[in-house]
Amino acid sequence: MILLNKGLKYNLNHKSKHRLSNTALEAEAATWRLPTGEQEHVRYHVVHNLQKRYKLNSGKHTGTDRNMRNKIKTINQIKIKLKEADAIVTKADKGNSIIRLNEDDYNSKIHTFISSNSFSQSAQDITNKLQRNIRTAINECSDIIPKDKKWKYINLNPSTPTIRGLVKIYKEESPIRPIINWKNTPAYKFAKALVKKNNKII
C-alpha cells in the first residue's frame, strides 16, 4: 500500500546491470563518426569515465539497492495478482486516486461511451490515405514550411489515435472521461505547426 500510495507517476529509476556495457557500445558507435584524428582522444575520456563509474558501482549493495529490489519484487507481485484477477489499475478522473477494476468492466465502459455518442465506424483504416493528403498539403505550403524542414512535420509511421478512460468515481455507475492520444496521427505535427504560426500572426 505504501508503494501504491506513491501514485502512477512514481518511477523506480531501476538501473540495468548491463548499463555500463551498453554505454561503452553506444560511445564506440558514436566515436566512429568523428574524424580519425579525434577518435583516440575521445576513447581515452570515455574509458576514463567508465572506469570511474565502475569503481563507484562495484562495491557491496547498499540499503538503497536492497530497498529498490524489494520495490521491484512488490510490483511484480502486484502484476501477478492483477493478471490472475483479470483486473487493471487506472487513474481516477479527479484527484490522485488509483482505481482497480475488472478488465471487462473497463472495456464495457469504453464501448458504452462510444456507442452512446453517435460515433460512426469506418469500414477500413484511412490512416494511409490521410498521410498522403498531409504530405500533399505540406508540399503546397512552402510559405509556411520551408522545403528543407518539411520532414519535421510528418509522422513517418503514423497510426490511428488511441483512447483510454479515466473513471469518474464521483458519478453514478462510474462512467469514463475519454482521453485521446493524437501524437502519432498523420496530422498532429502539421496541425501543431499551423497553430504556432497562427499565434505569431495574432
C-alpha atoms as a PDB file:
ATOM      1  CA  MET A   1       0.000   0.000   0.000  1.00  0.00           C
ATOM      2  CA  ILE A   2       2.911   2.348   0.696  1.00  0.00           C
ATOM      3  CA  LEU A   3       4.180   1.785  -2.841  1.00  0.00           C
ATOM      4  CA  LEU A   4       0.729   2.218  -4.429  1.00  0.00           C
ATOM      5  CA  ASN A   5       0.146   5.433  -2.493  1.00  0.00           C
ATOM      6  CA  LYS A   6       3.089   6.988  -4.334  1.00  0.00           C
ATOM      7  CA  GLY A   7       0.839   7.194  -7.399  1.00  0.00           C
ATOM      8  CA  LEU A   8       1.044   6.115 -11.026  1.00  0.00           C
ATOM      9  CA  LYS A   9       3.761   8.640 -11.846  1.00  0.00           C
ATOM     10  CA  TYR A  10       6.230   7.209  -9.350  1.00  0.00           C
ATOM     11  CA  ASN A  11       9.387   5.999 -11.108  1.00  0.00           C
ATOM     12  CA  LEU A  12      11.571   3.283  -9.599  1.00  0.00           C
ATOM     13  CA  ASN A  13      14.605   4.534 -11.520  1.00  0.00           C
ATOM     14  CA  HIS A  14      15.772   0.975 -11.967  1.00  0.00           C
ATOM     15  CA  LYS A  15      19.261   0.667 -13.453  1.00  0.00           C
ATOM     16  CA  SER A  16      20.108  -2.234 -15.735  1.00  0.00           C
ATOM     17  CA  LYS A  17      23.103  -4.362 -14.740  1.00  0.00           C
ATOM     18  CA  HIS A  18      24.336  -4.075 -18.340  1.00  0.00           C
ATOM     19  CA  ARG A  19      24.190  -0.260 -18.426  1.00  0.00           C
ATOM     20  CA  LEU A  20      27.995   0.220 -18.460  1.00  0.00           C
ATOM     21  CA  SER A  21      28.448  -2.251 -21.323  1.00  0.00           C
ATOM     22  CA  ASN A  22      25.634  -0.598 -23.261  1.00  0.00           C
ATOM     23  CA  THR A  23      27.154   2.841 -22.657  1.00  0.00           C
ATOM     24  CA  ALA A  24      30.539   1.637 -23.928  1.00  0.00           C
ATOM     25  CA  LEU A  25      28.996   0.210 -27.109  1.00  0.00           C
ATOM     26  CA  GLU A  26      26.981   3.362 -27.755  1.00  0.00           C
ATOM     27  CA  ALA A  27      30.051   5.553 -27.196  1.00  0.00           C
ATOM     28  CA  GLU A  28      32.118   3.450 -29.615  1.00  0.00           C
ATOM     29  CA  ALA A  29      29.401   3.665 -32.261  1.00  0.00           C
ATOM     30  CA  ALA A  30      29.335   7.451 -31.887  1.00  0.00           C
ATOM     31  CA  THR A  31      33.136   7.701 -31.934  1.00  0.00           C
ATOM     32  CA  TRP A  32      33.350   6.080 -35.376  1.00  0.00           C
ATOM     33  CA  ARG A  33      31.537   9.115 -36.823  1.00  0.00           C
ATOM     34  CA  LEU A  34      34.252  11.501 -35.651  1.00  0.00           C
ATOM     35  CA  PRO A  35      37.302  12.470 -37.716  1.00  0.00           C
ATOM     36  CA  THR A  36      40.101   9.880 -37.461  1.00  0.00           C
ATOM     37  CA  GLY A  37      42.425  12.235 -35.564  1.00  0.00           C
ATOM     38  CA  GLU A  38      39.869  12.807 -32.774  1.00  0.00           C
ATOM     39  CA  GLN A  39      38.751   9.225 -32.163  1.00  0.00           C
ATOM     40  CA  GLU A  40      41.557   8.101 -29.835  1.00  0.00           C
ATOM     41  CA  HIS A  41      41.264  11.249 -27.710  1.00  0.00           C
ATOM     42  CA  VAL A  42      37.521  10.684 -27.234  1.00  0.00           C
ATOM     43  CA  ARG A  43      38.022   6.967 -26.494  1.00  0.00           C
ATOM     44  CA  TYR A  44      40.515   7.841 -23.749  1.00  0.00           C
ATOM     45  CA  HIS A  45      37.970  10.086 -21.985  1.00  0.00           C
ATOM     46  CA  VAL A  46      35.188   7.530 -22.432  1.00  0.00           C
ATOM     47  CA  VAL A  47      37.294   4.761 -20.856  1.00  0.00           C
ATOM     48  CA  HIS A  48      38.342   7.054 -18.008  1.00  0.00           C
ATOM     49  CA  ASN A  49      34.732   7.982 -17.188  1.00  0.00           C
ATOM     50  CA  LEU A  50      33.519   4.378 -17.448  1.00  0.00           C
ATOM     51  CA  GLN A  51      36.252   3.226 -15.070  1.00  0.00           C
ATOM     52  CA  LYS A  52      35.180   5.848 -12.533  1.00  0.00           C
ATOM     53  CA  ARG A  53      31.548   4.741 -12.801  1.00  0.00           C
ATOM     54  CA  TYR A  54      32.565   1.080 -12.468  1.00  0.00           C
ATOM     55  CA  LYS A  55      34.505   1.762  -9.243  1.00  0.00           C
ATOM     56  CA  LEU A  56      31.533   3.630  -7.787  1.00  0.00           C
ATOM     57  CA  ASN A  57      29.163   0.735  -8.553  1.00  0.00           C
ATOM     58  CA  SER A  58      31.451  -2.197  -7.794  1.00  0.00           C
ATOM     59  CA  GLY A  59      31.035  -2.077  -4.035  1.00  0.00           C
ATOM     60  CA  LYS A  60      28.612  -4.077  -1.954  1.00  0.00           C
ATOM     61  CA  HIS A  61      24.893  -3.460  -2.311  1.00  0.00           C
ATOM     62  CA  THR A  62      23.730  -0.584  -0.185  1.00  0.00           C
ATOM     63  CA  GLY A  63      20.482  -0.270   1.711  1.00  0.00           C
ATOM     64  CA  THR A  64      19.117   1.762  -1.179  1.00  0.00           C
ATOM     65  CA  ASP A  65      19.791  -1.129  -3.583  1.00  0.00           C
ATOM     66  CA  ARG A  66      18.002  -3.585  -1.291  1.00  0.00           C
ATOM     67  CA  ASN A  67      15.073  -1.204  -0.969  1.00  0.00           C
ATOM     68  CA  MET A  68      14.858  -0.905  -4.743  1.00  0.00           C
ATOM     69  CA  ARG A  69      14.911  -4.690  -5.183  1.00  0.00           C
ATOM     70  CA  ASN A  70      12.089  -5.017  -2.651  1.00  0.00           C
ATOM     71  CA  LYS A  71      10.007  -2.455  -4.560  1.00  0.00           C
ATOM     72  CA  ILE A  72      10.570  -4.296  -7.841  1.00  0.00           C
ATOM     73  CA  LYS A  73       9.545  -7.545  -6.156  1.00  0.00           C
ATOM     74  CA  THR A  74       6.379  -5.885  -4.825  1.00  0.00           C
ATOM     75  CA  ILE A  75       5.476  -4.518  -8.258  1.00  0.00           C
ATOM     76  CA  ASN A  76       5.936  -7.943  -9.847  1.00  0.00           C
ATOM     77  CA  GLN A  77       3.647  -9.450  -7.203  1.00  0.00           C
ATOM     78  CA  ILE A  78       1.026  -6.790  -7.935  1.00  0.00           C
ATOM     79  CA  LYS A  79       1.249  -7.565 -11.677  1.00  0.00           C
ATOM     80  CA  ILE A  80       0.726 -11.271 -10.995  1.00  0.00           C
ATOM     81  CA  LYS A  81      -2.325 -10.620  -8.810  1.00  0.00           C
ATOM     82  CA  LEU A  82      -3.847  -8.286 -11.397  1.00  0.00           C
ATOM     83  CA  LYS A  83      -3.304 -10.843 -14.153  1.00  0.00           C
ATOM     84  CA  GLU A  84      -4.845 -13.636 -12.088  1.00  0.00           C
ATOM     85  CA  ALA A  85      -7.903 -11.478 -11.357  1.00  0.00           C
ATOM     86  CA  ASP A  86      -8.211 -10.127 -14.947  1.00  0.00           C
ATOM     87  CA  ALA A  87      -8.017  -6.649 -13.460  1.00  0.00           C
ATOM     88  CA  ILE A  88      -6.296  -3.366 -14.351  1.00  0.00           C
ATOM     89  CA  VAL A  89      -5.154  -0.292 -12.477  1.00  0.00           C
ATOM     90  CA  THR A  90      -6.043   3.157 -13.775  1.00  0.00           C
ATOM     91  CA  LYS A  91      -6.307   6.729 -12.550  1.00  0.00           C
ATOM     92  CA  ALA A  92      -9.473   8.381 -11.316  1.00  0.00           C
ATOM     93  CA  ASP A  93     -10.813  11.349 -13.287  1.00  0.00           C
ATOM     94  CA  LYS A  94     -10.211  13.786 -10.437  1.00  0.00           C
ATOM     95  CA  GLY A  95      -7.602  13.725  -7.707  1.00  0.00           C
ATOM     96  CA  ASN A  96      -4.716  11.279  -7.421  1.00  0.00           C
ATOM     97  CA  SER A  97      -6.750   8.174  -6.607  1.00  0.00           C
ATOM     98  CA  ILE A  98      -5.844   4.824  -8.150  1.00  0.00           C
ATOM     99  CA  ILE A  99      -8.720   2.633  -9.301  1.00  0.00           C
ATOM    100  CA  ARG A 100      -8.594  -1.140  -9.525  1.00  0.00           C
ATOM    101  CA  LEU A 101     -11.362  -2.648 -11.644  1.00  0.00           C
ATOM    102  CA  ASN A 102     -12.126  -5.699 -13.709  1.00  0.00           C
ATOM    103  CA  GLU A 103     -10.753  -5.517 -17.257  1.00  0.00           C
ATOM    104  CA  ASP A 104     -14.123  -6.500 -18.768  1.00  0.00           C
ATOM    105  CA  ASP A 105     -15.845  -3.718 -16.803  1.00  0.00           C
ATOM    106  CA  TYR A 106     -13.315  -1.194 -18.084  1.00  0.00           C
ATOM    107  CA  ASN A 107     -13.760  -2.306 -21.702  1.00  0.00           C
ATOM    108  CA  SER A 108     -17.521  -2.193 -21.247  1.00  0.00           C
ATOM    109  CA  LYS A 109     -17.329   1.438 -20.089  1.00  0.00           C
ATOM    110  CA  ILE A 110     -15.262   2.336 -23.160  1.00  0.00           C
ATOM    111  CA  HIS A 111     -17.720   0.637 -25.537  1.00  0.00           C
ATOM    112  CA  THR A 112     -20.670   2.254 -23.747  1.00  0.00           C
ATOM    113  CA  PHE A 113     -19.131   5.698 -24.233  1.00  0.00           C
ATOM    114  CA  ILE A 114     -18.506   5.050 -27.942  1.00  0.00           C
ATOM    115  CA  SER A 115     -21.953   3.592 -28.640  1.00  0.00           C
ATOM    116  CA  SER A 116     -23.804   6.341 -26.739  1.00  0.00           C
ATOM    117  CA  ASN A 117     -22.125   9.248 -28.549  1.00  0.00           C
ATOM    118  CA  SER A 118     -23.184   8.510 -32.136  1.00  0.00           C
ATOM    119  CA  PHE A 119     -19.718   7.756 -33.492  1.00  0.00           C
ATOM    120  CA  SER A 120     -19.638   6.289 -36.989  1.00  0.00           C
ATOM    121  CA  GLN A 121     -17.500   3.228 -37.655  1.00  0.00           C
ATOM    122  CA  SER A 122     -15.211   3.173 -40.680  1.00  0.00           C
ATOM    123  CA  ALA A 123     -15.062   0.011 -42.772  1.00  0.00           C
ATOM    124  CA  GLN A 124     -11.331   0.499 -43.397  1.00  0.00           C
ATOM    125  CA  ASP A 125      -8.320   2.215 -41.882  1.00  0.00           C
ATOM    126  CA  ILE A 126      -7.916   5.596 -43.600  1.00  0.00           C
ATOM    127  CA  THR A 127      -4.583   6.428 -41.943  1.00  0.00           C
ATOM    128  CA  ASN A 128      -2.511   5.876 -45.096  1.00  0.00           C
ATOM    129  CA  LYS A 129      -4.887   7.949 -47.220  1.00  0.00           C
ATOM    130  CA  LEU A 130      -4.775  10.777 -44.701  1.00  0.00           C
ATOM    131  CA  GLN A 131      -0.971  10.540 -44.597  1.00  0.00           C
ATOM    132  CA  ARG A 132      -0.807  11.069 -48.371  1.00  0.00           C
ATOM    133  CA  ASN A 133      -3.125  14.070 -48.099  1.00  0.00           C
ATOM    134  CA  ILE A 134      -0.997  15.580 -45.348  1.00  0.00           C
ATOM    135  CA  ARG A 135       2.182  15.170 -47.389  1.00  0.00           C
ATOM    136  CA  THR A 136       0.498  16.875 -50.347  1.00  0.00           C
ATOM    137  CA  ALA A 137      -0.687  19.754 -48.151  1.00  0.00           C
ATOM    138  CA  ILE A 138       2.803  20.230 -46.686  1.00  0.00           C
ATOM    139  CA  ASN A 139       4.347  20.328 -50.163  1.00  0.00           C
ATOM    140  CA  GLU A 140       1.861  23.043 -51.143  1.00  0.00           C
ATOM    141  CA  CYS A 141       2.552  25.165 -48.035  1.00  0.00           C
ATOM    142  CA  SER A 142       6.078  26.306 -48.891  1.00  0.00           C
ATOM    143  CA  ASP A 143       5.383  29.791 -47.464  1.00  0.00           C
ATOM    144  CA  ILE A 144       4.688  28.291 -44.015  1.00  0.00           C
ATOM    145  CA  ILE A 145       7.010  25.285 -44.040  1.00  0.00           C
ATOM    146  CA  PRO A 146      10.341  25.504 -45.932  1.00  0.00           C
ATOM    147  CA  LYS A 147      11.138  22.572 -48.194  1.00  0.00           C
ATOM    148  CA  ASP A 148      14.250  21.593 -46.218  1.00  0.00           C
ATOM    149  CA  LYS A 149      12.285  21.429 -42.933  1.00  0.00           C
ATOM    150  CA  LYS A 150       9.084  19.731 -44.013  1.00  0.00           C
ATOM    151  CA  TRP A 151      10.301  16.385 -42.612  1.00  0.00           C
ATOM    152  CA  LYS A 152       9.802  17.826 -39.112  1.00  0.00           C
ATOM    153  CA  TYR A 153       6.055  17.973 -39.660  1.00  0.00           C
ATOM    154  CA  ILE A 154       5.462  14.453 -40.985  1.00  0.00           C
ATOM    155  CA  ASN A 155       4.945  11.427 -38.746  1.00  0.00           C
ATOM    156  CA  LEU A 156       6.933   8.711 -40.509  1.00  0.00           C
ATOM    157  CA  ASN A 157       4.948   5.808 -39.033  1.00  0.00           C
ATOM    158  CA  PRO A 158       1.503   7.229 -38.270  1.00  0.00           C
ATOM    159  CA  SER A 159      -1.271   5.290 -36.603  1.00  0.00           C
ATOM    160  CA  THR A 160      -4.880   5.827 -35.645  1.00  0.00           C
ATOM    161  CA  PRO A 161      -5.428   7.631 -32.323  1.00  0.00           C
ATOM    162  CA  THR A 162      -5.952   5.525 -29.225  1.00  0.00           C
ATOM    163  CA  ILE A 163      -8.441   6.053 -26.419  1.00  0.00           C
ATOM    164  CA  ARG A 164      -8.226   5.401 -22.707  1.00  0.00           C
ATOM    165  CA  GLY A 165     -10.653   6.272 -19.957  1.00  0.00           C
ATOM    166  CA  LEU A 166     -10.378   7.940 -16.568  1.00  0.00           C
ATOM    167  CA  VAL A 167     -13.074   6.661 -14.210  1.00  0.00           C
ATOM    168  CA  LYS A 168     -15.488   9.237 -12.765  1.00  0.00           C
ATOM    169  CA  ILE A 169     -15.862   7.669  -9.332  1.00  0.00           C
ATOM    170  CA  TYR A 170     -17.974  10.610  -8.106  1.00  0.00           C
ATOM    171  CA  LYS A 171     -20.808   9.851 -10.594  1.00  0.00           C
ATOM    172  CA  GLU A 172     -23.416   7.122 -10.635  1.00  0.00           C
ATOM    173  CA  GLU A 173     -22.251   3.931 -12.377  1.00  0.00           C
ATOM    174  CA  SER A 174     -18.753   5.468 -12.645  1.00  0.00           C
ATOM    175  CA  PRO A 175     -18.623   6.403 -16.352  1.00  0.00           C
ATOM    176  CA  ILE A 176     -15.332   7.279 -18.038  1.00  0.00           C
ATOM    177  CA  ARG A 177     -13.824  10.518 -19.244  1.00  0.00           C
ATOM    178  CA  PRO A 178     -12.124   9.763 -22.575  1.00  0.00           C
ATOM    179  CA  ILE A 179      -8.501  10.706 -23.181  1.00  0.00           C
ATOM    180  CA  ILE A 180      -7.453  10.562 -26.844  1.00  0.00           C
ATOM    181  CA  ASN A 181      -3.784  10.290 -27.815  1.00  0.00           C
ATOM    182  CA  TRP A 182      -3.288  12.152 -31.111  1.00  0.00           C
ATOM    183  CA  LYS A 183       0.514  12.386 -31.061  1.00  0.00           C
ATOM    184  CA  ASN A 184       1.200   9.646 -33.600  1.00  0.00           C
ATOM    185  CA  THR A 185      -1.593  10.576 -36.028  1.00  0.00           C
ATOM    186  CA  PRO A 186      -0.671  11.875 -39.516  1.00  0.00           C
ATOM    187  CA  ALA A 187      -1.809  15.473 -38.952  1.00  0.00           C
ATOM    188  CA  TYR A 188      -0.532  16.045 -35.410  1.00  0.00           C
ATOM    189  CA  LYS A 189       2.817  17.726 -36.198  1.00  0.00           C
ATOM    190  CA  PHE A 190       1.374  19.663 -39.131  1.00  0.00           C
ATOM    191  CA  ALA A 191      -1.538  20.983 -37.055  1.00  0.00           C
ATOM    192  CA  LYS A 192       0.869  21.951 -34.256  1.00  0.00           C
ATOM    193  CA  ALA A 193       2.953  23.956 -36.747  1.00  0.00           C
ATOM    194  CA  LEU A 194      -0.141  25.776 -38.054  1.00  0.00           C
ATOM    195  CA  VAL A 195      -1.237  26.691 -34.519  1.00  0.00           C
ATOM    196  CA  LYS A 196       2.184  28.151 -33.708  1.00  0.00           C
ATOM    197  CA  LYS A 197       2.185  30.098 -36.970  1.00  0.00           C
ATOM    198  CA  ASN A 198      -1.304  31.440 -36.272  1.00  0.00           C
ATOM    199  CA  ASN A 199      -0.338  32.539 -32.743  1.00  0.00           C
ATOM    200  CA  LYS A 200       2.625  34.507 -34.134  1.00  0.00           C
ATOM    201  CA  ILE A 201       0.338  36.294 -36.606  1.00  0.00           C
ATOM    202  CA  ILE A 202      -2.143  37.199 -33.885  1.00  0.00           C
END
